[in-house]
C-alpha atoms as a PDB file:
ATOM      1  CA  UNK A   1     -99.818 108.366 -25.133  1.00  0.00           C
ATOM      2  CA  UNK A   2    -100.469 104.731 -25.664  1.00  0.00           C
ATOM      3  CA  UNK A   3    -100.885 102.214 -23.018  1.00  0.00           C
ATOM      4  CA  UNK A   4     -99.998  98.723 -23.456  1.00  0.00           C
ATOM      5  CA  UNK A   5    -100.249  95.561 -20.918  1.00  0.00           C
ATOM      6  CA  UNK A   6     -96.796  93.838 -20.557  1.00  0.00           C
ATOM      7  CA  UNK A   7     -98.198  90.605 -19.208  1.00  0.00           C
ATOM      8  CA  UNK A   8     -95.710  88.202 -21.287  1.00  0.00           C
ATOM      9  CA  UNK A   9     -92.463  90.539 -19.307  1.00  0.00           C
ATOM     10  CA  UNK A  10     -92.793  89.843 -15.689  1.00  0.00           C
ATOM     11  CA  UNK A  11     -89.402  88.986 -15.571  1.00  0.00           C
ATOM     12  CA  UNK A  12     -87.876  92.540 -16.134  1.00  0.00           C
ATOM     13  CA  UNK A  13     -90.469  94.602 -15.367  1.00  0.00           C
ATOM     14  CA  UNK A  14     -90.495  92.842 -11.937  1.00  0.00           C
ATOM     15  CA  UNK A  15     -87.698  91.545  -9.049  1.00  0.00           C
ATOM     16  CA  UNK A  16     -88.567  88.026  -7.802  1.00  0.00           C
ATOM     17  CA  UNK A  17     -89.664  89.544  -4.187  1.00  0.00           C
ATOM     18  CA  UNK A  18     -92.574  91.618  -6.888  1.00  0.00           C
ATOM     19  CA  UNK A  19     -91.191  95.064  -6.694  1.00  0.00           C
ATOM     20  CA  UNK A  20     -91.454  97.203 -10.106  1.00  0.00           C
ATOM     21  CA  UNK A  21     -89.044  97.362 -11.894  1.00  0.00           C
ATOM     22  CA  UNK A  22     -90.122  99.328 -14.721  1.00  0.00           C
ATOM     23  CA  UNK A  23     -91.747 102.071 -13.732  1.00  0.00           C
ATOM     24  CA  UNK A  24     -92.700 105.884 -15.285  1.00  0.00           C
ATOM     25  CA  UNK A  25     -89.822 107.573 -13.872  1.00  0.00           C
ATOM     26  CA  UNK A  26     -87.043 104.605 -15.633  1.00  0.00           C
ATOM     27  CA  UNK A  27     -89.158 105.122 -19.344  1.00  0.00           C
ATOM     28  CA  UNK A  28     -89.095 109.063 -18.633  1.00  0.00           C
ATOM     29  CA  UNK A  29     -85.592 108.618 -18.275  1.00  0.00           C
ATOM     30  CA  UNK A  30     -84.739 106.372 -21.322  1.00  0.00           C
ATOM     31  CA  UNK A  31     -87.270 108.352 -23.196  1.00  0.00           C
ATOM     32  CA  UNK A  32     -85.035 111.527 -22.450  1.00  0.00           C
ATOM     33  CA  UNK A  33     -81.400 109.794 -23.159  1.00  0.00           C
ATOM     34  CA  UNK A  34     -82.665 108.297 -26.310  1.00  0.00           C
ATOM     35  CA  UNK A  35     -84.183 111.930 -27.313  1.00  0.00           C
ATOM     36  CA  UNK A  36     -80.783 113.877 -26.473  1.00  0.00           C
ATOM     37  CA  UNK A  37     -79.218 110.907 -28.434  1.00  0.00           C
ATOM     38  CA  UNK A  38     -81.028 111.495 -31.784  1.00  0.00           C
ATOM     39  CA  UNK A  39     -80.869 115.108 -31.472  1.00  0.00           C
ATOM     40  CA  UNK A  40     -76.509 114.969 -30.548  1.00  0.00           C
ATOM     41  CA  UNK A  41     -76.327 112.608 -33.662  1.00  0.00           C
ATOM     42  CA  UNK A  42     -78.665 114.815 -36.049  1.00  0.00           C
ATOM     43  CA  UNK A  43     -76.634 117.925 -35.385  1.00  0.00           C
ATOM     44  CA  UNK A  44     -73.213 115.656 -36.022  1.00  0.00           C
ATOM     45  CA  UNK A  45     -74.817 113.922 -39.165  1.00  0.00           C
ATOM     46  CA  UNK A  46     -75.231 117.515 -39.864  1.00  0.00           C
ATOM     47  CA  UNK A  47     -72.391 119.236 -39.588  1.00  0.00           C
ATOM     48  CA  UNK A  48     -70.184 115.860 -41.265  1.00  0.00           C
ATOM     49  CA  UNK A  49     -72.207 116.581 -44.412  1.00  0.00           C
ATOM     50  CA  UNK A  50     -71.663 120.220 -44.676  1.00  0.00           C
ATOM     51  CA  UNK A  51     -68.257 120.102 -43.643  1.00  0.00           C
ATOM     52  CA  UNK A  52     -67.445 117.615 -45.859  1.00  0.00           C
ATOM     53  CA  UNK A  53     -69.768 117.776 -48.684  1.00  0.00           C
ATOM     54  CA  UNK A  54     -70.265 121.659 -48.651  1.00  0.00           C
ATOM     55  CA  UNK A  55     -74.035 120.742 -48.614  1.00  0.00           C
ATOM     56  CA  UNK A  56     -76.690 122.599 -47.078  1.00  0.00           C
ATOM     57  CA  UNK A  57     -78.760 120.795 -44.793  1.00  0.00           C
ATOM     58  CA  UNK A  58     -82.031 121.636 -43.046  1.00  0.00           C
ATOM     59  CA  UNK A  59     -83.237 119.806 -40.647  1.00  0.00           C
END
């Protein structure tokens, strides 16, 4: 796990009243969304390639 400081981006990590906007939960939700997006896209591309070109894709 990489830990990094986000000091330059206080405007989107913190609300004007000081409440934190960027939380571990928010990062986990975005990570899960993009993992799902990649999996669905890969499956769609695999099905398209196999159906259109009759090529077996092994990924």
